[in-house]
Protein backbone atom coordinates (compact mmCIF):
# COMPACT_ATOMS: atom_id res chain seq x y z
CA UNK A 1 242.68 -39.32 289.57
CA UNK A 2 244.71 -36.30 290.52
CA UNK A 3 244.87 -33.79 287.66
CA UNK A 4 243.02 -36.17 285.33
CA UNK A 5 241.92 -34.37 282.16
CA UNK A 6 238.32 -35.37 281.44
CA UNK A 7 236.24 -34.76 278.31
CA UNK A 8 232.53 -35.43 277.87
CA UNK A 9 231.76 -35.72 274.17
CA UNK A 10 228.04 -35.35 273.49
CA UNK A 11 226.37 -33.22 276.16
CA UNK A 12 222.78 -34.34 275.75
CA UNK A 13 220.77 -36.02 278.49
CA UNK A 14 223.33 -38.64 279.51
CA UNK A 15 226.45 -36.60 278.81
CA UNK A 16 224.94 -33.66 280.68
CA UNK A 17 224.06 -35.83 283.66
CA UNK A 18 227.55 -37.36 283.89
CA UNK A 19 229.30 -34.03 283.35
CA UNK A 20 227.18 -32.37 286.03
CA UNK A 21 227.94 -35.12 288.53
CA UNK A 22 231.69 -35.10 287.84
CA UNK A 23 231.60 -31.32 287.92
CA UNK A 24 230.67 -31.39 291.60
CA UNK A 25 234.31 -32.12 292.35
CA UNK A 26 236.32 -31.85 289.13
CA UNK A 27 234.81 -29.01 287.07
CA UNK A 28 238.24 -27.39 286.61
CA UNK A 29 239.40 -30.51 284.74
CA UNK A 30 236.37 -31.06 282.49
CA UNK A 31 236.02 -30.16 278.82
CA UNK A 32 232.64 -30.44 277.12
CA UNK A 33 232.45 -31.16 273.39
CA UNK A 34 229.48 -29.41 271.80
CA UNK A 35 228.62 -27.33 268.75
CA UNK A 36 226.80 -24.17 267.73
CA UNK A 37 224.20 -22.69 270.06
CA UNK A 38 224.65 -25.54 272.49
CA UNK A 39 228.37 -24.78 272.85
CA UNK A 40 227.65 -21.07 273.20
CA UNK A 41 225.10 -21.68 275.97
CA UNK A 42 227.48 -23.97 277.87
CA UNK A 43 230.27 -21.41 277.66
CA UNK A 44 228.09 -18.53 278.81
CA UNK A 45 225.81 -20.22 281.32
CA UNK A 46 227.57 -23.44 282.34
CA UNK A 47 225.61 -26.64 282.85
CA UNK A 48 222.64 -26.95 285.22
CA UNK A 49 221.19 -30.25 286.38
CA UNK A 50 217.92 -30.79 288.21
CA UNK A 51 217.90 -34.24 289.78
CA UNK A 52 215.28 -35.89 291.95
CA UNK A 53 217.80 -38.55 292.98
CA UNK A 54 221.05 -36.62 293.40
CA UNK A 55 219.82 -33.10 294.03
CA UNK A 56 220.36 -30.08 291.81
CA UNK A 57 223.79 -28.83 290.80
CA UNK A 58 225.61 -26.40 288.55
CA UNK A 59 229.04 -26.69 286.96
CA UNK A 60 231.20 -24.36 284.89
CA UNK A 61 233.51 -26.50 282.73
CA UNK A 62 237.18 -25.68 282.27
CA UNK A 63 236.52 -25.49 278.52
CA UNK A 64 233.87 -26.03 275.85
CA UNK A 65 235.35 -27.17 272.54
CA UNK A 66 233.84 -28.05 269.18
CA UNK A 67 236.70 -30.32 268.06
CA UNK A 68 239.29 -32.49 269.75
CA UNK A 69 242.11 -30.54 268.10
CA UNK A 70 241.23 -27.55 270.29
CA UNK A 71 242.32 -29.33 273.49
CA UNK A 72 245.31 -31.42 274.62
CA UNK A 73 245.28 -35.21 274.67
CA UNK A 74 242.88 -36.30 277.42
CA UNK A 75 243.13 -38.91 280.18
CA UNK A 76 239.44 -39.87 280.00
CA UNK A 77 236.89 -39.34 277.23
CA UNK A 78 233.23 -40.22 277.81
CA UNK A 79 231.28 -40.71 274.59
CA UNK A 80 227.59 -40.00 275.18
CA UNK A 81 225.75 -39.85 271.88
CA UNK A 82 223.16 -41.70 269.87
CA UNK A 83 224.47 -44.67 267.91
CA UNK A 84 223.88 -42.98 264.56
CA UNK A 85 226.18 -40.10 265.60
CA UNK A 86 229.11 -42.23 266.74
CA UNK A 87 231.06 -42.17 263.47
CA UNK A 88 230.90 -38.38 263.18
CA UNK A 89 231.64 -37.74 266.85
CA UNK A 90 234.60 -40.14 266.80
CA UNK A 91 236.28 -38.13 264.05
CA UNK A 92 235.49 -34.92 265.92
CA UNK A 93 237.32 -36.10 269.06
CA UNK A 94 240.11 -38.16 267.48
CA UNK A 95 242.88 -35.54 267.99
CA UNK A 96 242.45 -35.55 271.79
CA UNK A 97 242.74 -39.34 272.14
CA UNK A 98 246.18 -40.82 272.69
CA UNK A 99 247.54 -44.30 273.51
CA UNK A 100 246.95 -43.82 277.26
CA UNK A 101 243.51 -42.23 276.95
CA UNK A 102 240.66 -44.16 278.54
CA UNK A 103 237.62 -44.03 276.25
CA UNK A 104 234.23 -45.09 277.62
CA UNK A 105 231.03 -44.99 275.57
CA UNK A 106 227.86 -44.62 277.65
CA UNK A 107 225.35 -45.47 274.96
CA UNK A 108 222.44 -47.73 274.11
CA UNK A 109 222.88 -51.18 272.61
CA UNK A 110 225.45 -53.96 272.59
CA UNK A 111 227.72 -52.71 269.79
CA UNK A 112 229.20 -49.33 270.88
CA UNK A 113 232.13 -50.80 272.82
CA UNK A 114 233.34 -52.86 269.87
CA UNK A 115 232.80 -49.96 267.48
CA UNK A 116 234.86 -47.65 269.68
CA UNK A 117 237.65 -50.25 269.99
CA UNK A 118 237.78 -50.46 266.20
CA UNK A 119 237.99 -46.68 265.88
CA UNK A 120 240.62 -46.18 268.59
CA UNK A 121 242.69 -49.39 268.73
CA UNK A 122 245.60 -47.60 270.35
CA UNK A 123 243.51 -46.28 273.28
CA UNK A 124 242.13 -48.03 276.37
CA UNK A 125 238.46 -48.58 275.48
CA UNK A 126 236.21 -49.83 278.29
CA UNK A 127 232.47 -50.44 278.60
CA UNK A 128 229.49 -49.06 280.52
CA UNK A 129 225.72 -48.82 280.64
CA UNK A 130 223.40 -46.56 282.57
CA UNK A 131 219.91 -46.85 284.00
CA UNK A 132 218.27 -43.44 284.33
CA UNK A 133 215.33 -41.29 283.30
CA UNK A 134 217.04 -38.10 282.17
CA UNK A 135 216.16 -35.57 279.48
CA UNK A 136 217.82 -32.51 278.01
CA UNK A 137 215.72 -29.33 278.21
CA UNK A 138 215.40 -26.63 275.55
CA UNK A 139 217.64 -24.33 277.63
CA UNK A 140 220.43 -26.98 277.47
CA UNK A 141 220.03 -27.99 281.12
CA UNK A 142 219.34 -31.62 282.07
CA UNK A 143 216.60 -33.03 284.26
CA UNK A 144 216.77 -36.40 286.00
CA UNK A 145 213.49 -37.87 287.24
CA UNK A 146 212.72 -40.81 289.48
CA UNK A 147 214.26 -42.60 292.48
CA UNK A 148 217.30 -44.11 290.73
CA UNK A 149 220.22 -43.45 288.43
CA UNK A 150 223.09 -45.91 288.37
CA UNK A 151 225.82 -47.02 285.98
CA UNK A 152 227.72 -50.27 285.49
CA UNK A 153 231.38 -49.98 284.47
CA UNK A 154 233.72 -52.75 283.34
CA UNK A 155 235.74 -54.02 280.41
CA UNK A 156 234.93 -56.63 277.80
CA UNK A 157 238.69 -57.05 277.37
CA UNK A 158 240.10 -58.79 280.45
CA UNK A 159 243.77 -57.81 280.35
CA UNK A 160 245.20 -55.85 283.27
CA UNK A 161 245.41 -52.57 281.35
CA UNK A 162 241.70 -52.47 280.58
CA UNK A 163 240.57 -53.90 283.91
CA UNK A 164 242.56 -51.35 285.90
CA UNK A 165 241.23 -48.53 283.71
CA UNK A 166 237.64 -49.61 284.35
CA UNK A 167 238.27 -49.74 288.10
CA UNK A 168 239.85 -46.28 287.97
CA UNK A 169 236.81 -44.77 286.23
CA UNK A 170 234.52 -46.58 288.66
CA UNK A 171 236.36 -44.97 291.58
CA UNK A 172 236.21 -41.57 289.86
CA UNK A 173 232.42 -41.68 289.74
CA UNK A 174 232.16 -43.06 293.26
CA UNK A 175 234.23 -40.13 294.48
CA UNK A 176 231.48 -37.67 293.49
CA UNK A 177 228.68 -39.69 295.07
CA UNK A 178 227.45 -41.28 291.86
CA UNK A 179 225.93 -44.76 292.10
CA UNK A 180 228.61 -46.51 290.01
CA UNK A 181 228.90 -50.30 290.10
CA UNK A 182 231.95 -52.18 288.86
CA UNK A 183 231.20 -55.40 286.96
CA UNK A 184 233.55 -58.28 286.16
CA UNK A 185 231.06 -59.34 283.46
CA UNK A 186 230.03 -56.08 281.87
CA UNK A 187 228.66 -57.72 278.71
CA UNK A 188 226.14 -59.63 280.79
CA UNK A 189 224.91 -56.36 282.29
CA UNK A 190 224.84 -54.65 278.88
CA UNK A 191 222.84 -57.48 277.33
CA UNK A 192 220.36 -57.55 280.21
CA UNK A 193 219.52 -53.91 279.58
CA UNK A 194 219.55 -54.47 275.82
CA UNK A 195 216.97 -57.25 276.14
CA UNK A 196 214.66 -54.85 277.99
CA UNK A 197 215.25 -52.09 275.41
CA UNK A 198 214.47 -54.42 272.50
CA UNK A 199 211.06 -55.01 274.03
CA UNK A 200 210.02 -51.89 275.90
CA UNK A 201 211.58 -49.20 273.69
CA UNK A 202 210.34 -50.89 270.53
CA UNK A 203 206.77 -51.58 271.63
CA UNK A 204 206.25 -48.08 273.06
CA UNK A 205 207.69 -46.50 269.90
CA UNK A 206 205.68 -48.66 267.51
CA UNK A 207 202.34 -47.78 269.13
CA UNK A 208 203.38 -44.37 270.55
CA UNK A 209 202.25 -45.55 273.95
CA UNK A 210 203.42 -46.05 277.51
CA UNK A 211 203.45 -48.91 280.02
CA UNK A 212 199.79 -48.42 280.80
CA UNK A 213 198.88 -48.72 277.14
CA UNK A 214 200.82 -51.98 276.81
CA UNK A 215 199.17 -53.36 279.95
CA UNK A 216 195.72 -52.70 278.50
CA UNK A 217 196.43 -54.40 275.15
CA UNK A 218 197.06 -58.14 275.33
CA UNK A 219 198.46 -58.33 271.77
CA UNK A 220 201.00 -55.57 272.42
CA UNK A 221 201.95 -57.20 275.72
CA UNK A 222 202.53 -60.55 274.01
CA UNK A 223 204.70 -58.95 271.33
CA UNK A 224 206.66 -57.04 273.98
CA UNK A 225 207.43 -60.36 275.66
CA UNK A 226 208.37 -62.10 272.41
CA UNK A 227 210.73 -59.30 271.33
CA UNK A 228 212.66 -59.69 274.57
CA UNK A 229 212.80 -63.47 274.26
CA UNK A 230 214.27 -63.17 270.76
CA UNK A 231 216.96 -60.77 271.97
CA UNK A 232 217.79 -63.08 274.87
CA UNK A 233 218.15 -66.07 272.53
CA UNK A 234 220.55 -64.12 270.29
CA UNK A 235 222.60 -63.06 273.31
CA UNK A 236 222.99 -66.66 274.42
CA UNK A 237 224.24 -67.60 270.95
CA UNK A 238 226.79 -64.77 271.31
CA UNK A 239 228.09 -66.62 274.35
CA UNK A 240 226.99 -63.94 276.80
CA UNK A 241 226.35 -65.06 280.38
CA UNK A 242 222.70 -64.00 280.60
CA UNK A 243 220.92 -65.11 283.79
CA UNK A 244 218.16 -67.66 283.25
CA UNK A 245 214.75 -66.10 282.78
CA UNK A 246 216.02 -62.56 282.13
CA UNK A 247 213.34 -61.73 279.54
CA UNK A 248 210.64 -63.22 281.75
CA UNK A 249 211.72 -61.27 284.84
CA UNK A 250 212.02 -57.96 283.00
CA UNK A 251 208.63 -58.49 281.40
CA UNK A 252 207.04 -59.20 284.78
CA UNK A 253 208.72 -56.18 286.37
CA UNK A 254 207.47 -53.82 283.66
CA UNK A 255 203.95 -55.20 283.66
CA UNK A 256 203.60 -55.34 287.45
CA UNK A 257 205.78 -52.56 288.87
CA UNK A 258 206.46 -49.88 286.29
CA UNK A 259 204.44 -46.66 286.37
CA UNK A 260 201.65 -46.39 283.81
CA UNK A 261 203.14 -43.25 282.26
CA UNK A 262 206.62 -44.74 281.73
CA UNK A 263 207.81 -44.52 278.14
CA UNK A 264 211.07 -44.64 276.16
CA UNK A 265 213.56 -42.41 274.36
CA UNK A 266 212.86 -44.32 271.15
CA UNK A 267 209.17 -43.47 271.41
CA UNK A 268 209.95 -39.80 272.05
CA UNK A 269 212.33 -39.63 269.08
CA UNK A 270 209.89 -41.31 266.68
CA UNK A 271 207.02 -39.09 267.82
CA UNK A 272 209.13 -35.94 267.41
CA UNK A 273 210.24 -36.88 263.89
CA UNK A 274 213.90 -37.20 264.91
CA UNK A 275 216.45 -39.80 263.93
CA UNK A 276 215.94 -42.86 266.09
CA UNK A 277 218.10 -45.71 267.38
CA UNK A 278 216.07 -48.54 265.88
CA UNK A 279 219.18 -50.01 264.25
CA UNK A 280 220.97 -50.12 267.62
CA UNK A 281 218.19 -52.33 268.96
CA UNK A 282 216.41 -54.51 266.40
CA UNK A 283 218.99 -53.95 263.66
CA UNK A 284 221.62 -55.46 265.95
CA UNK A 285 219.34 -58.39 266.87
CA UNK A 286 218.63 -59.15 263.21
CA UNK A 287 222.31 -58.93 262.18
CA UNK A 288 223.45 -61.23 264.96
CA UNK A 289 220.54 -63.64 264.43
CA UNK A 290 221.56 -63.93 260.77
CA UNK A 291 225.11 -64.79 261.81
CA UNK A 292 223.84 -67.71 263.89
CA UNK A 293 220.96 -68.80 261.67
CA UNK A 294 218.31 -67.92 264.28
CA UNK A 295 214.80 -66.88 263.26
CA UNK A 296 213.60 -63.64 264.86
CA UNK A 297 210.19 -62.98 263.26
CA UNK A 298 208.98 -60.47 265.84
CA UNK A 299 212.16 -58.41 265.58
CA UNK A 300 211.94 -58.43 261.78
CA UNK A 301 208.25 -57.44 261.81
CA UNK A 302 208.74 -54.56 264.22
CA UNK A 303 211.91 -53.40 262.50
CA UNK A 304 210.04 -53.21 259.20
CA UNK A 305 207.01 -51.42 260.64
CA UNK A 306 208.98 -48.98 262.77
CA UNK A 307 211.32 -48.16 259.88
CA UNK A 308 208.29 -47.14 257.86
CA UNK A 309 206.97 -45.00 260.72
CA UNK A 310 210.32 -43.27 261.22
CA UNK A 311 210.59 -42.48 257.52
CA UNK A 312 207.04 -41.10 257.49
CA UNK A 313 207.47 -38.97 260.62
CA UNK A 314 210.78 -37.55 259.38
CA UNK A 315 209.43 -36.72 255.92
């Protein structure tokens, strides 16, 4: 990890959180990729994080670049963007990725790892997922809320090169006090979160509600459960090692333990009239279900209805 050149591409909520944590020890090695006013603010003011779990911190990156061609080839590139921005961001950072660069997307859904491997076949592309409640503020700072934030790191590809890279990045995050967890079966962890997202994110976005609202409406609660069961069934057909009863356990946890005011990024994006990651959730379920000949009526219904809402709110 000594002298490792690190780039965080996409400095929104997740990218800002990870950059701020790494910056506690390695700020002189970190480049942030951002554009326009965001880039200007990061250059002038640095990056501030308020965190209930980790405590507040401030970091001044070694550089803020708008394109990969402005910096040398990097040792580690974290891609932290919405799924719909991945194609554009990948071209933006391509010049700073070489054959020995470790590339790790920290994004929603089950497809980013494979998409990144297709875009950078010469690089070492590993996998990750994060559990956190973090938002980017209007002043470009980030705010983490709640009593947890942890990340799973691993590699879908099991050769020594990728496995060792995943372990190296895991140790990097551990070295700054971040709750990083190495997984030998990262796709199982990714799918377990995906199953939850396909239910909770979708149902809260469709009805612009929170956990309390779902609890009080038996029809919404039933649909929430069914959406997760469909995603779990598709994951099993993919050959993913999903623990028995995953959808059931996540449903029970949300309905019994989650705070009433808990909501989702998908709900916030739909409500604000922004682009939303519906395709990363239900679009992926429907595509994969079609490949295996599985019927997913709840996913199709909610995909259709939410697509109409997103179009209307963005108009």
